[in-house]
Amino acid sequence: MNDLTPMDKAKDAFLELLATLEGDELLSFETFVGAAIVMIMVTTTTTTDTRRDWMNDKVDDISFEGYTKDNVVHVDGFLYTEDDVDELCDAGKLSRNYCVKCGSKDTKPLNFISHSASVVQLQYLFQVLLKDRMANKVVLDVGSRLGAVLYAGYLFTDAKKLVGVEMNEFFCKLQRTIVQKHRLQDRIEIIHDNLLNCSALLENANVVIMNNVFQFFCPIDIQRQLWIFLYTHLRHKKGTILITVPSLQDQLKDAGFYKPAASKPKGKKRKVPAKPPGVVAAAAAAAAAAAAASQDKENASSEDLVASVGNWSGWLREIEVQATGQEFVEDMTEDELEELKLIHMYEVI
């Protein structure tokens, strides 16, 4: 009697299923299986109650005009598709509207946002945009959250290493649990830290991915620090790929880098006595003049740095992304196509 293990039975059934497919059907099924594995890796590790907590999480700090804590709900695009959201709304577990005046029928639609890339975005990113670019490369996901980018990169590419930097301790523990459970630690590493403390990681990365990282979580002054930090450590790394959602231009504009630099203040003329009243007084006057000159130089240097960051075309070139939906065997919905158009790609020059 041949006793097969559950794994052996699953393999046999899978091979039998593959034997019934051919041509484009096989290609389509390959894409489906990859996406299904990515989804199962998260959904089998987390509970429904935990995912619902993320879904109902409200925005703490957001810079988009018209978006407030009262009219925005986080719905993770990696865990929930548009169809899932529709089902939740139909079941009364989620609403698409909120009451402007409590107790009245005066309602407005809620704004739905996600801080994870959707499955279709991840497929497009790794199977189309970065195809043939990933061999022996190091990928850095800034604000890795659930780890969606890391899991997809592991499955869809032959990247040498995928590193996620995340400030939230809960999400770091969740990612590490998934990585260990599915034995992905040979190529995936999770770092619990602020990006500003990770210059070495940034300089060692060949591909840097940032999906809705700064605007929703950081005040303007911190956003500016982060972009200056990115510029400082990436500008000399010719060929490094930068993936952003939304566009770099929009993010820099929100951070105030497109504002014209203030004109350099003219140094005030200081009257120095023709005959200083002593060596000490002369030394003090010289020190004050030197300090003022140093401050002027520092201010000018800071202004030049800000201007260089804002002038992004001086250190980056945008690689045109033309998502048509023809990249996939399956038919795409209009919503999915719009998701793909949110992805922007740049290269350090």
C-alpha atoms as a PDB file:
ATOM      1  CA  MET A   1       0.000   0.000   0.000  1.00  0.00           C
ATOM      2  CA  ASN A   2       1.371   3.341  -1.003  1.00  0.00           C
ATOM      3  CA  ASP A   3       0.674   5.912   1.721  1.00  0.00           C
ATOM      4  CA  LEU A   4       0.945   9.389   0.259  1.00  0.00           C
ATOM      5  CA  THR A   5       1.494  12.427   2.450  1.00  0.00           C
ATOM      6  CA  PRO A   6      -0.846  15.422   2.078  1.00  0.00           C
ATOM      7  CA  MET A   7       1.991  17.213   0.268  1.00  0.00           C
ATOM      8  CA  ASP A   8       2.429  14.331  -2.207  1.00  0.00           C
ATOM      9  CA  LYS A   9      -1.306  14.272  -2.881  1.00  0.00           C
ATOM     10  CA  ALA A  10      -1.318  18.037  -3.458  1.00  0.00           C
ATOM     11  CA  LYS A  11       1.589  17.770  -5.911  1.00  0.00           C
ATOM     12  CA  ASP A  12      -0.100  14.984  -7.866  1.00  0.00           C
ATOM     13  CA  ALA A  13      -3.372  16.912  -8.045  1.00  0.00           C
ATOM     14  CA  PHE A  14      -1.529  20.039  -9.158  1.00  0.00           C
ATOM     15  CA  LEU A  15       0.285  18.199 -11.957  1.00  0.00           C
ATOM     16  CA  GLU A  16      -2.972  16.649 -13.119  1.00  0.00           C
ATOM     17  CA  LEU A  17      -4.511  20.122 -13.250  1.00  0.00           C
ATOM     18  CA  LEU A  18      -1.587  21.516 -15.245  1.00  0.00           C
ATOM     19  CA  ALA A  19      -1.976  18.700 -17.762  1.00  0.00           C
ATOM     20  CA  THR A  20      -5.444  20.026 -18.649  1.00  0.00           C
ATOM     21  CA  LEU A  21      -4.071  23.479 -19.613  1.00  0.00           C
ATOM     22  CA  GLU A  22      -2.042  24.691 -22.560  1.00  0.00           C
ATOM     23  CA  GLY A  23      -0.727  27.849 -24.241  1.00  0.00           C
ATOM     24  CA  ASP A  24      -2.151  31.092 -22.877  1.00  0.00           C
ATOM     25  CA  GLU A  25      -4.107  29.165 -20.272  1.00  0.00           C
ATOM     26  CA  LEU A  26      -0.854  28.019 -18.698  1.00  0.00           C
ATOM     27  CA  LEU A  27       0.518  31.579 -18.649  1.00  0.00           C
ATOM     28  CA  SER A  28      -2.673  32.869 -17.080  1.00  0.00           C
ATOM     29  CA  PHE A  29      -2.662  30.099 -14.500  1.00  0.00           C
ATOM     30  CA  GLU A  30       0.970  30.839 -13.609  1.00  0.00           C
ATOM     31  CA  THR A  31       0.058  34.457 -12.838  1.00  0.00           C
ATOM     32  CA  PHE A  32      -2.963  33.340 -10.819  1.00  0.00           C
ATOM     33  CA  VAL A  33      -0.972  30.866  -8.736  1.00  0.00           C
ATOM     34  CA  GLY A  34       1.733  33.428  -7.917  1.00  0.00           C
ATOM     35  CA  ALA A  35      -0.812  36.028  -6.814  1.00  0.00           C
ATOM     36  CA  ALA A  36      -2.771  33.427  -4.830  1.00  0.00           C
ATOM     37  CA  ILE A  37       0.331  32.353  -2.916  1.00  0.00           C
ATOM     38  CA  VAL A  38       1.164  35.957  -2.012  1.00  0.00           C
ATOM     39  CA  MET A  39      -2.382  36.501  -0.739  1.00  0.00           C
ATOM     40  CA  ILE A  40      -2.497  33.246   1.244  1.00  0.00           C
ATOM     41  CA  MET A  41       0.836  34.008   2.908  1.00  0.00           C
ATOM     42  CA  VAL A  42      -0.767  36.984   4.643  1.00  0.00           C
ATOM     43  CA  THR A  43      -4.378  35.879   5.048  1.00  0.00           C
ATOM     44  CA  THR A  44      -3.461  32.543   6.657  1.00  0.00           C
ATOM     45  CA  THR A  45      -1.135  34.271   9.101  1.00  0.00           C
ATOM     46  CA  THR A  46      -3.495  37.009  10.294  1.00  0.00           C
ATOM     47  CA  THR A  47      -6.978  36.846  11.732  1.00  0.00           C
ATOM     48  CA  THR A  48     -10.096  38.418  10.288  1.00  0.00           C
ATOM     49  CA  ASP A  49     -10.475  40.587  13.385  1.00  0.00           C
ATOM     50  CA  THR A  50      -6.923  41.909  13.018  1.00  0.00           C
ATOM     51  CA  ARG A  51      -7.445  42.728   9.333  1.00  0.00           C
ATOM     52  CA  ARG A  52     -10.689  44.492  10.189  1.00  0.00           C
ATOM     53  CA  ASP A  53      -8.782  46.618  12.729  1.00  0.00           C
ATOM     54  CA  TRP A  54      -6.398  47.763   9.966  1.00  0.00           C
ATOM     55  CA  MET A  55      -9.331  48.371   7.638  1.00  0.00           C
ATOM     56  CA  ASN A  56     -11.035  50.651  10.162  1.00  0.00           C
ATOM     57  CA  ASP A  57      -7.830  52.487  11.097  1.00  0.00           C
ATOM     58  CA  LYS A  58      -8.249  56.260  10.730  1.00  0.00           C
ATOM     59  CA  VAL A  59      -5.695  58.705   9.384  1.00  0.00           C
ATOM     60  CA  ASP A  60      -3.601  60.381  12.097  1.00  0.00           C
ATOM     61  CA  ASP A  61      -1.794  62.959   9.999  1.00  0.00           C
ATOM     62  CA  ILE A  62      -2.575  63.656   6.369  1.00  0.00           C
ATOM     63  CA  SER A  63      -1.656  66.478   4.043  1.00  0.00           C
ATOM     64  CA  PHE A  64      -4.073  65.842   1.169  1.00  0.00           C
ATOM     65  CA  GLU A  65      -6.530  68.687   0.831  1.00  0.00           C
ATOM     66  CA  GLY A  66     -10.033  67.701   1.920  1.00  0.00           C
ATOM     67  CA  TYR A  67      -8.921  64.494   3.634  1.00  0.00           C
ATOM     68  CA  THR A  68      -9.581  64.444   7.403  1.00  0.00           C
ATOM     69  CA  LYS A  69      -9.775  61.940  10.244  1.00  0.00           C
ATOM     70  CA  ASP A  70     -13.558  61.928   9.848  1.00  0.00           C
ATOM     71  CA  ASN A  71     -13.804  61.182   6.128  1.00  0.00           C
ATOM     72  CA  VAL A  72     -10.955  58.728   5.511  1.00  0.00           C
ATOM     73  CA  VAL A  73     -10.776  54.986   6.144  1.00  0.00           C
ATOM     74  CA  HIS A  74      -7.732  52.763   5.568  1.00  0.00           C
ATOM     75  CA  VAL A  75      -8.615  49.724   3.466  1.00  0.00           C
ATOM     76  CA  ASP A  76      -5.470  47.771   2.681  1.00  0.00           C
ATOM     77  CA  GLY A  77      -5.241  47.221  -1.065  1.00  0.00           C
ATOM     78  CA  PHE A  78      -3.124  44.091  -0.612  1.00  0.00           C
ATOM     79  CA  LEU A  79      -5.698  42.350   1.577  1.00  0.00           C
ATOM     80  CA  TYR A  80      -8.934  43.694   0.095  1.00  0.00           C
ATOM     81  CA  THR A  81      -9.916  44.027  -3.559  1.00  0.00           C
ATOM     82  CA  GLU A  82     -12.685  46.341  -4.778  1.00  0.00           C
ATOM     83  CA  ASP A  83     -15.005  43.330  -4.883  1.00  0.00           C
ATOM     84  CA  ASP A  84     -14.170  42.580  -1.234  1.00  0.00           C
ATOM     85  CA  VAL A  85     -15.042  46.159  -0.271  1.00  0.00           C
ATOM     86  CA  ASP A  86     -18.343  45.938  -2.158  1.00  0.00           C
ATOM     87  CA  GLU A  87     -19.237  42.732  -0.302  1.00  0.00           C
ATOM     88  CA  LEU A  88     -18.371  44.312   3.062  1.00  0.00           C
ATOM     89  CA  CYS A  89     -20.532  47.337   2.246  1.00  0.00           C
ATOM     90  CA  ASP A  90     -23.429  45.111   1.151  1.00  0.00           C
ATOM     91  CA  ALA A  91     -23.113  43.135   4.391  1.00  0.00           C
ATOM     92  CA  GLY A  92     -23.253  46.325   6.443  1.00  0.00           C
ATOM     93  CA  LYS A  93     -19.738  45.838   7.834  1.00  0.00           C
ATOM     94  CA  LEU A  94     -18.358  48.886   6.028  1.00  0.00           C
ATOM     95  CA  SER A  95     -19.890  52.110   4.785  1.00  0.00           C
ATOM     96  CA  ARG A  96     -18.933  54.220   1.808  1.00  0.00           C
ATOM     97  CA  ASN A  97     -20.478  57.376   3.289  1.00  0.00           C
ATOM     98  CA  TYR A  98     -20.336  59.437   6.447  1.00  0.00           C
ATOM     99  CA  CYS A  99     -22.820  61.853   7.990  1.00  0.00           C
ATOM    100  CA  VAL A 100     -21.878  65.501   7.687  1.00  0.00           C
ATOM    101  CA  LYS A 101     -24.529  66.560  10.215  1.00  0.00           C
ATOM    102  CA  CYS A 102     -25.137  63.853  12.785  1.00  0.00           C
ATOM    103  CA  GLY A 103     -28.673  62.502  12.648  1.00  0.00           C
ATOM    104  CA  SER A 104     -29.464  63.943   9.219  1.00  0.00           C
ATOM    105  CA  LYS A 105     -29.529  62.476   5.718  1.00  0.00           C
ATOM    106  CA  ASP A 106     -26.847  64.889   4.616  1.00  0.00           C
ATOM    107  CA  THR A 107     -24.061  62.423   3.761  1.00  0.00           C
ATOM    108  CA  LYS A 108     -20.865  62.487   1.744  1.00  0.00           C
ATOM    109  CA  PRO A 109     -18.757  59.626   0.349  1.00  0.00           C
ATOM    110  CA  LEU A 110     -15.791  58.444   2.405  1.00  0.00           C
ATOM    111  CA  ASN A 111     -12.275  58.537   0.987  1.00  0.00           C
ATOM    112  CA  PHE A 112     -10.718  55.076   0.791  1.00  0.00           C
ATOM    113  CA  ILE A 113      -6.923  54.859   0.931  1.00  0.00           C
ATOM    114  CA  SER A 114      -4.391  52.024   1.066  1.00  0.00           C
ATOM    115  CA  HIS A 115      -0.774  52.013   2.184  1.00  0.00           C
ATOM    116  CA  SER A 116      -0.027  48.653   0.576  1.00  0.00           C
ATOM    117  CA  ALA A 117       0.318  47.965  -3.124  1.00  0.00           C
ATOM    118  CA  SER A 118      -2.460  45.795  -4.547  1.00  0.00           C
ATOM    119  CA  VAL A 119      -1.740  42.353  -5.996  1.00  0.00           C
ATOM    120  CA  VAL A 120      -2.151  43.627  -9.561  1.00  0.00           C
ATOM    121  CA  GLN A 121       0.254  46.524  -8.875  1.00  0.00           C
ATOM    122  CA  LEU A 122       2.831  44.094  -7.489  1.00  0.00           C
ATOM    123  CA  GLN A 123       2.512  41.800 -10.497  1.00  0.00           C
ATOM    124  CA  TYR A 124       2.935  44.739 -12.872  1.00  0.00           C
ATOM    125  CA  LEU A 125       5.876  46.121 -10.891  1.00  0.00           C
ATOM    126  CA  PHE A 126       7.900  42.913 -10.816  1.00  0.00           C
ATOM    127  CA  GLN A 127       6.741  41.103 -13.962  1.00  0.00           C
ATOM    128  CA  VAL A 128       6.663  44.096 -16.310  1.00  0.00           C
ATOM    129  CA  LEU A 129       8.485  47.235 -15.084  1.00  0.00           C
ATOM    130  CA  LEU A 130      11.379  45.489 -13.334  1.00  0.00           C
ATOM    131  CA  LYS A 131      11.491  42.392 -15.501  1.00  0.00           C
ATOM    132  CA  ASP A 132      15.089  41.465 -16.392  1.00  0.00           C
ATOM    133  CA  ARG A 133      16.396  44.162 -14.008  1.00  0.00           C
ATOM    134  CA  MET A 134      16.424  42.220 -10.733  1.00  0.00           C
ATOM    135  CA  ALA A 135      19.155  39.585 -11.035  1.00  0.00           C
ATOM    136  CA  ASN A 136      21.598  39.893  -8.128  1.00  0.00           C
ATOM    137  CA  LYS A 137      19.996  43.206  -7.039  1.00  0.00           C
ATOM    138  CA  VAL A 138      19.140  44.499  -3.576  1.00  0.00           C
ATOM    139  CA  VAL A 139      15.621  45.909  -3.105  1.00  0.00           C
ATOM    140  CA  LEU A 140      14.762  48.336  -0.291  1.00  0.00           C
ATOM    141  CA  ASP A 141      11.082  48.836   0.566  1.00  0.00           C
ATOM    142  CA  VAL A 142      10.674  52.031   2.598  1.00  0.00           C
ATOM    143  CA  GLY A 143       7.769  51.621   5.010  1.00  0.00           C
ATOM    144  CA  SER A 144       7.220  47.915   4.334  1.00  0.00           C
ATOM    145  CA  ARG A 145       4.083  47.663   6.522  1.00  0.00           C
ATOM    146  CA  LEU A 146       2.577  44.180   5.832  1.00  0.00           C
ATOM    147  CA  GLY A 147       5.526  43.151   3.676  1.00  0.00           C
ATOM    148  CA  ALA A 148       3.532  42.827   0.447  1.00  0.00           C
ATOM    149  CA  VAL A 149       6.331  44.218  -1.742  1.00  0.00           C
ATOM    150  CA  LEU A 150       8.865  41.880  -0.152  1.00  0.00           C
ATOM    151  CA  TYR A 151       6.770  38.725  -0.606  1.00  0.00           C
ATOM    152  CA  ALA A 152       5.943  39.560  -4.217  1.00  0.00           C
ATOM    153  CA  GLY A 153       9.581  40.379  -4.965  1.00  0.00           C
ATOM    154  CA  TYR A 154      10.608  37.037  -3.469  1.00  0.00           C
ATOM    155  CA  LEU A 155       8.111  35.086  -5.584  1.00  0.00           C
ATOM    156  CA  PHE A 156       8.271  36.965  -8.868  1.00  0.00           C
ATOM    157  CA  THR A 157      11.991  37.850  -9.117  1.00  0.00           C
ATOM    158  CA  ASP A 158      15.488  36.521  -8.538  1.00  0.00           C
ATOM    159  CA  ALA A 159      16.550  39.559  -6.487  1.00  0.00           C
ATOM    160  CA  LYS A 160      19.570  38.852  -4.302  1.00  0.00           C
ATOM    161  CA  LYS A 161      17.992  40.440  -1.227  1.00  0.00           C
ATOM    162  CA  LEU A 162      14.791  42.250  -0.251  1.00  0.00           C
ATOM    163  CA  VAL A 163      14.941  44.552   2.775  1.00  0.00           C
ATOM    164  CA  GLY A 164      11.967  46.202   4.445  1.00  0.00           C
ATOM    165  CA  VAL A 165      12.390  49.223   6.754  1.00  0.00           C
ATOM    166  CA  GLU A 166       9.372  49.824   8.999  1.00  0.00           C
ATOM    167  CA  MET A 167       8.978  52.071  12.074  1.00  0.00           C
ATOM    168  CA  ASN A 168       5.864  50.319  13.428  1.00  0.00           C
ATOM    169  CA  GLU A 169       6.866  47.495  15.791  1.00  0.00           C
ATOM    170  CA  PHE A 170       3.590  45.594  15.325  1.00  0.00           C
ATOM    171  CA  PHE A 171       4.001  45.405  11.551  1.00  0.00           C
ATOM    172  CA  CYS A 172       7.654  44.388  11.909  1.00  0.00           C
ATOM    173  CA  LYS A 173       6.659  41.463  14.138  1.00  0.00           C
ATOM    174  CA  LEU A 174       3.924  40.493  11.685  1.00  0.00           C
ATOM    175  CA  GLN A 175       6.333  40.519   8.733  1.00  0.00           C
ATOM    176  CA  ARG A 176       8.931  38.483  10.614  1.00  0.00           C
ATOM    177  CA  THR A 177       6.291  35.925  11.570  1.00  0.00           C
ATOM    178  CA  ILE A 178       5.281  35.503   7.921  1.00  0.00           C
ATOM    179  CA  VAL A 179       8.901  35.367   6.734  1.00  0.00           C
ATOM    180  CA  GLN A 180       9.799  32.665   9.257  1.00  0.00           C
ATOM    181  CA  LYS A 181       6.606  30.669   8.760  1.00  0.00           C
ATOM    182  CA  HIS A 182       7.085  30.480   4.999  1.00  0.00           C
ATOM    183  CA  ARG A 183      10.906  30.198   5.154  1.00  0.00           C
ATOM    184  CA  LEU A 184      11.672  33.363   3.247  1.00  0.00           C
ATOM    185  CA  GLN A 185      14.521  34.525   5.491  1.00  0.00           C
ATOM    186  CA  ASP A 186      17.176  33.475   2.970  1.00  0.00           C
ATOM    187  CA  ARG A 187      16.405  36.618   0.929  1.00  0.00           C
ATOM    188  CA  ILE A 188      14.086  38.789   3.052  1.00  0.00           C
ATOM    189  CA  GLU A 189      15.170  40.955   5.987  1.00  0.00           C
ATOM    190  CA  ILE A 190      12.987  43.211   8.156  1.00  0.00           C
ATOM    191  CA  ILE A 191      14.533  46.269   9.840  1.00  0.00           C
ATOM    192  CA  HIS A 192      12.631  47.998  12.666  1.00  0.00           C
ATOM    193  CA  ASP A 193      13.980  51.541  12.429  1.00  0.00           C
ATOM    194  CA  ASN A 194      13.607  55.043  11.053  1.00  0.00           C
ATOM    195  CA  LEU A 195      14.914  55.454   7.504  1.00  0.00           C
ATOM    196  CA  LEU A 196      17.003  58.402   8.712  1.00  0.00           C
ATOM    197  CA  ASN A 197      19.103  55.901  10.662  1.00  0.00           C
ATOM    198  CA  CYS A 198      19.616  53.586   7.688  1.00  0.00           C
ATOM    199  CA  SER A 199      21.998  55.366   5.324  1.00  0.00           C
ATOM    200  CA  ALA A 200      24.013  52.181   4.701  1.00  0.00           C
ATOM    201  CA  LEU A 201      20.890  50.274   3.623  1.00  0.00           C
ATOM    202  CA  LEU A 202      19.957  53.073   1.245  1.00  0.00           C
ATOM    203  CA  GLU A 203      23.411  53.252  -0.306  1.00  0.00           C
ATOM    204  CA  ASN A 204      23.560  49.467  -0.789  1.00  0.00           C
ATOM    205  CA  ALA A 205      20.162  49.259  -2.504  1.00  0.00           C
ATOM    206  CA  ASN A 206      19.790  48.965  -6.290  1.00  0.00           C
ATOM    207  CA  VAL A 207      16.002  49.439  -6.255  1.00  0.00           C
ATOM    208  CA  VAL A 208      14.186  51.676  -3.743  1.00  0.00           C
ATOM    209  CA  ILE A 209      10.395  51.341  -3.499  1.00  0.00           C
ATOM    210  CA  MET A 210       8.184  53.895  -1.734  1.00  0.00           C
ATOM    211  CA  ASN A 211       4.423  53.342  -1.762  1.00  0.00           C
ATOM    212  CA  ASN A 212       2.430  56.092   0.013  1.00  0.00           C
ATOM    213  CA  VAL A 213       5.174  56.492   2.594  1.00  0.00           C
ATOM    214  CA  PHE A 214       5.534  60.095   3.681  1.00  0.00           C
ATOM    215  CA  GLN A 215       2.480  62.291   3.162  1.00  0.00           C
ATOM    216  CA  PHE A 216       0.080  60.372   5.375  1.00  0.00           C
ATOM    217  CA  PHE A 217       2.424  59.774   8.280  1.00  0.00           C
ATOM    218  CA  CYS A 218       4.904  62.649   8.472  1.00  0.00           C
ATOM    219  CA  PRO A 219       4.521  66.403   9.037  1.00  0.00           C
ATOM    220  CA  ILE A 220       6.043  68.641   6.385  1.00  0.00           C
ATOM    221  CA  ASP A 221       9.326  69.257   8.221  1.00  0.00           C
ATOM    222  CA  ILE A 222       9.965  65.510   8.565  1.00  0.00           C
ATOM    223  CA  GLN A 223       9.048  64.945   4.910  1.00  0.00           C
ATOM    224  CA  ARG A 224      11.652  67.512   3.931  1.00  0.00           C
ATOM    225  CA  GLN A 225      14.289  65.836   6.114  1.00  0.00           C
ATOM    226  CA  LEU A 226      13.528  62.481   4.509  1.00  0.00           C
ATOM    227  CA  TRP A 227      13.754  63.787   0.944  1.00  0.00           C
ATOM    228  CA  ILE A 228      17.021  65.600   1.668  1.00  0.00           C
ATOM    229  CA  PHE A 229      18.314  62.370   3.218  1.00  0.00           C
ATOM    230  CA  LEU A 230      17.275  60.370   0.123  1.00  0.00           C
ATOM    231  CA  TYR A 231      18.866  62.909  -2.201  1.00  0.00           C
ATOM    232  CA  THR A 232      22.113  62.984  -0.206  1.00  0.00           C
ATOM    233  CA  HIS A 233      22.551  59.209  -0.281  1.00  0.00           C
ATOM    234  CA  LEU A 234      21.197  58.432  -3.753  1.00  0.00           C
ATOM    235  CA  ARG A 235      22.410  61.260  -6.011  1.00  0.00           C
ATOM    236  CA  HIS A 236      25.828  59.653  -6.615  1.00  0.00           C
ATOM    237  CA  LYS A 237      24.432  56.135  -7.162  1.00  0.00           C
ATOM    238  CA  LYS A 238      24.010  56.231 -10.915  1.00  0.00           C
ATOM    239  CA  GLY A 239      21.601  53.603 -12.206  1.00  0.00           C
ATOM    240  CA  THR A 240      19.671  53.154  -8.943  1.00  0.00           C
ATOM    241  CA  ILE A 241      15.949  52.683  -9.610  1.00  0.00           C
ATOM    242  CA  LEU A 242      13.359  54.604  -7.579  1.00  0.00           C
ATOM    243  CA  ILE A 243       9.709  53.458  -7.621  1.00  0.00           C
ATOM    244  CA  THR A 244       7.142  55.838  -6.096  1.00  0.00           C
ATOM    245  CA  VAL A 245       3.379  55.971  -5.561  1.00  0.00           C
ATOM    246  CA  PRO A 246       2.257  58.722  -6.018  1.00  0.00           C
ATOM    247  CA  SER A 247       4.658  60.513  -8.348  1.00  0.00           C
ATOM    248  CA  LEU A 248       7.897  62.044  -7.101  1.00  0.00           C
ATOM    249  CA  GLN A 249       6.739  65.403  -8.437  1.00  0.00           C
ATOM    250  CA  ASP A 250       3.582  65.342  -6.311  1.00  0.00           C
ATOM    251  CA  GLN A 251       5.468  64.281  -3.198  1.00  0.00           C
ATOM    252  CA  LEU A 252       8.119  66.979  -3.559  1.00  0.00           C
ATOM    253  CA  LYS A 253       5.423  69.568  -4.154  1.00  0.00           C
ATOM    254  CA  ASP A 254       3.572  68.495  -0.994  1.00  0.00           C
ATOM    255  CA  ALA A 255       6.856  68.768   0.928  1.00  0.00           C
ATOM    256  CA  GLY A 256       7.330  72.352  -0.295  1.00  0.00           C
ATOM    257  CA  PHE A 257      10.391  71.788  -2.470  1.00  0.00           C
ATOM    258  CA  TYR A 258       8.847  73.518  -5.458  1.00  0.00           C
ATOM    259  CA  LYS A 259       8.643  76.839  -3.672  1.00  0.00           C
ATOM    260  CA  PRO A 260      11.165  79.321  -5.116  1.00  0.00           C
ATOM    261  CA  ALA A 261      14.229  79.564  -2.961  1.00  0.00           C
ATOM    262  CA  ALA A 262      14.458  82.755  -0.973  1.00  0.00           C
ATOM    263  CA  SER A 263      17.000  85.220  -2.278  1.00  0.00           C
ATOM    264  CA  LYS A 264      20.255  85.218  -0.425  1.00  0.00           C
ATOM    265  CA  PRO A 265      20.139  87.872   2.290  1.00  0.00           C
ATOM    266  CA  LYS A 266      22.710  90.562   1.863  1.00  0.00           C
ATOM    267  CA  GLY A 267      25.231  90.714   4.640  1.00  0.00           C
ATOM    268  CA  LYS A 268      24.966  93.792   6.775  1.00  0.00           C
ATOM    269  CA  LYS A 269      27.885  96.163   6.589  1.00  0.00           C
ATOM    270  CA  ARG A 270      29.621  96.381   9.897  1.00  0.00           C
ATOM    271  CA  LYS A 271      31.501  99.531  10.837  1.00  0.00           C
ATOM    272  CA  VAL A 272      34.915  98.734  12.202  1.00  0.00           C
ATOM    273  CA  PRO A 273      36.753 101.590  13.933  1.00  0.00           C
ATOM    274  CA  ALA A 274      39.801 102.757  12.018  1.00  0.00           C
ATOM    275  CA  LYS A 275      41.743 102.558  15.242  1.00  0.00           C
ATOM    276  CA  PRO A 276      40.374  99.676  17.383  1.00  0.00           C
ATOM    277  CA  PRO A 277      40.541 100.412  21.112  1.00  0.00           C
ATOM    278  CA  GLY A 278      42.871  97.539  21.813  1.00  0.00           C
ATOM    279  CA  VAL A 279      43.854  94.048  20.710  1.00  0.00           C
ATOM    280  CA  VAL A 280      40.978  92.344  22.552  1.00  0.00           C
ATOM    281  CA  ALA A 281      38.343  94.496  20.909  1.00  0.00           C
ATOM    282  CA  ALA A 282      39.917  93.921  17.481  1.00  0.00           C
ATOM    283  CA  ALA A 283      39.939  90.153  18.018  1.00  0.00           C
ATOM    284  CA  ALA A 284      36.287  90.181  19.112  1.00  0.00           C
ATOM    285  CA  ALA A 285      35.293  92.189  16.042  1.00  0.00           C
ATOM    286  CA  ALA A 286      37.177  89.781  13.749  1.00  0.00           C
ATOM    287  CA  ALA A 287      35.536  86.740  15.413  1.00  0.00           C
ATOM    288  CA  ALA A 288      32.080  88.260  15.042  1.00  0.00           C
ATOM    289  CA  ALA A 289      32.715  88.991  11.369  1.00  0.00           C
ATOM    290  CA  ALA A 290      33.970  85.428  10.783  1.00  0.00           C
ATOM    291  CA  ALA A 291      30.935  83.936  12.549  1.00  0.00           C
ATOM    292  CA  ALA A 292      28.581  86.038  10.452  1.00  0.00           C
ATOM    293  CA  ALA A 293      30.340  84.975   7.247  1.00  0.00           C
ATOM    294  CA  SER A 294      30.175  81.321   8.306  1.00  0.00           C
ATOM    295  CA  GLN A 295      26.434  81.607   9.021  1.00  0.00           C
ATOM    296  CA  ASP A 296      25.839  83.216   5.629  1.00  0.00           C
ATOM    297  CA  LYS A 297      27.734  80.375   3.962  1.00  0.00           C
ATOM    298  CA  GLU A 298      25.743  77.746   5.906  1.00  0.00           C
ATOM    299  CA  ASN A 299      22.433  79.380   4.952  1.00  0.00           C
ATOM    300  CA  ALA A 300      23.453  79.511   1.298  1.00  0.00           C
ATOM    301  CA  SER A 301      24.530  75.853   1.393  1.00  0.00           C
ATOM    302  CA  SER A 302      21.179  74.828   2.917  1.00  0.00           C
ATOM    303  CA  GLU A 303      19.277  76.786   0.265  1.00  0.00           C
ATOM    304  CA  ASP A 304      21.337  75.172  -2.491  1.00  0.00           C
ATOM    305  CA  LEU A 305      20.582  71.704  -1.075  1.00  0.00           C
ATOM    306  CA  VAL A 306      16.836  72.354  -0.962  1.00  0.00           C
ATOM    307  CA  ALA A 307      16.927  73.692  -4.512  1.00  0.00           C
ATOM    308  CA  SER A 308      18.820  70.593  -5.696  1.00  0.00           C
ATOM    309  CA  VAL A 309      16.221  68.253  -4.183  1.00  0.00           C
ATOM    310  CA  GLY A 310      13.370  70.200  -5.756  1.00  0.00           C
ATOM    311  CA  ASN A 311      15.120  70.215  -9.121  1.00  0.00           C
ATOM    312  CA  TRP A 312      14.636  66.436  -9.323  1.00  0.00           C
ATOM    313  CA  SER A 313      15.405  66.266 -13.060  1.00  0.00           C
ATOM    314  CA  GLY A 314      18.968  67.260 -12.206  1.00  0.00           C
ATOM    315  CA  TRP A 315      19.610  63.936 -10.468  1.00  0.00           C
ATOM    316  CA  LEU A 316      16.839  61.661 -11.757  1.00  0.00           C
ATOM    317  CA  ARG A 317      15.243  60.800 -15.080  1.00  0.00           C
ATOM    318  CA  GLU A 318      11.701  59.519 -15.219  1.00  0.00           C
ATOM    319  CA  ILE A 319      11.192  56.229 -17.037  1.00  0.00           C
ATOM    320  CA  GLU A 320       7.862  56.407 -18.810  1.00  0.00           C
ATOM    321  CA  VAL A 321       5.292  53.922 -17.553  1.00  0.00           C
ATOM    322  CA  GLN A 322       2.613  53.078 -20.100  1.00  0.00           C
ATOM    323  CA  ALA A 323       0.137  50.689 -18.506  1.00  0.00           C
ATOM    324  CA  THR A 324      -2.409  49.520 -21.090  1.00  0.00           C
ATOM    325  CA  GLY A 325      -3.702  46.301 -19.551  1.00  0.00           C
ATOM    326  CA  GLN A 326      -2.270  44.306 -22.457  1.00  0.00           C
ATOM    327  CA  GLU A 327       0.641  43.263 -20.248  1.00  0.00           C
ATOM    328  CA  PHE A 328      -1.526  40.577 -18.642  1.00  0.00           C
ATOM    329  CA  VAL A 329      -3.314  37.608 -20.148  1.00  0.00           C
ATOM    330  CA  GLU A 330      -6.427  38.261 -18.084  1.00  0.00           C
ATOM    331  CA  ASP A 331      -8.778  41.131 -18.824  1.00  0.00           C
ATOM    332  CA  MET A 332      -8.301  44.077 -16.473  1.00  0.00           C
ATOM    333  CA  THR A 333     -10.965  46.267 -14.922  1.00  0.00           C
ATOM    334  CA  GLU A 334     -10.825  50.047 -15.247  1.00  0.00           C
ATOM    335  CA  ASP A 335     -10.076  50.335 -11.523  1.00  0.00           C
ATOM    336  CA  GLU A 336      -7.094  47.979 -11.843  1.00  0.00           C
ATOM    337  CA  LEU A 337      -5.756  49.924 -14.809  1.00  0.00           C
ATOM    338  CA  GLU A 338      -6.014  53.163 -12.832  1.00  0.00           C
ATOM    339  CA  GLU A 339      -4.031  51.510 -10.023  1.00  0.00           C
ATOM    340  CA  LEU A 340      -1.220  50.728 -12.443  1.00  0.00           C
ATOM    341  CA  LYS A 341      -1.108  54.332 -13.654  1.00  0.00           C
ATOM    342  CA  LEU A 342      -0.270  55.454 -10.104  1.00  0.00           C
ATOM    343  CA  ILE A 343       3.147  53.770 -10.314  1.00  0.00           C
ATOM    344  CA  HIS A 344       6.088  56.003 -11.311  1.00  0.00           C
ATOM    345  CA  MET A 345       9.633  54.899 -12.066  1.00  0.00           C
ATOM    346  CA  TYR A 346      12.874  56.915 -11.981  1.00  0.00           C
ATOM    347  CA  GLU A 347      16.594  56.284 -12.437  1.00  0.00           C
ATOM    348  CA  VAL A 348      19.487  58.143 -10.821  1.00  0.00           C
ATOM    349  CA  ILE A 349      21.590  59.810 -13.517  1.00  0.00           C
END
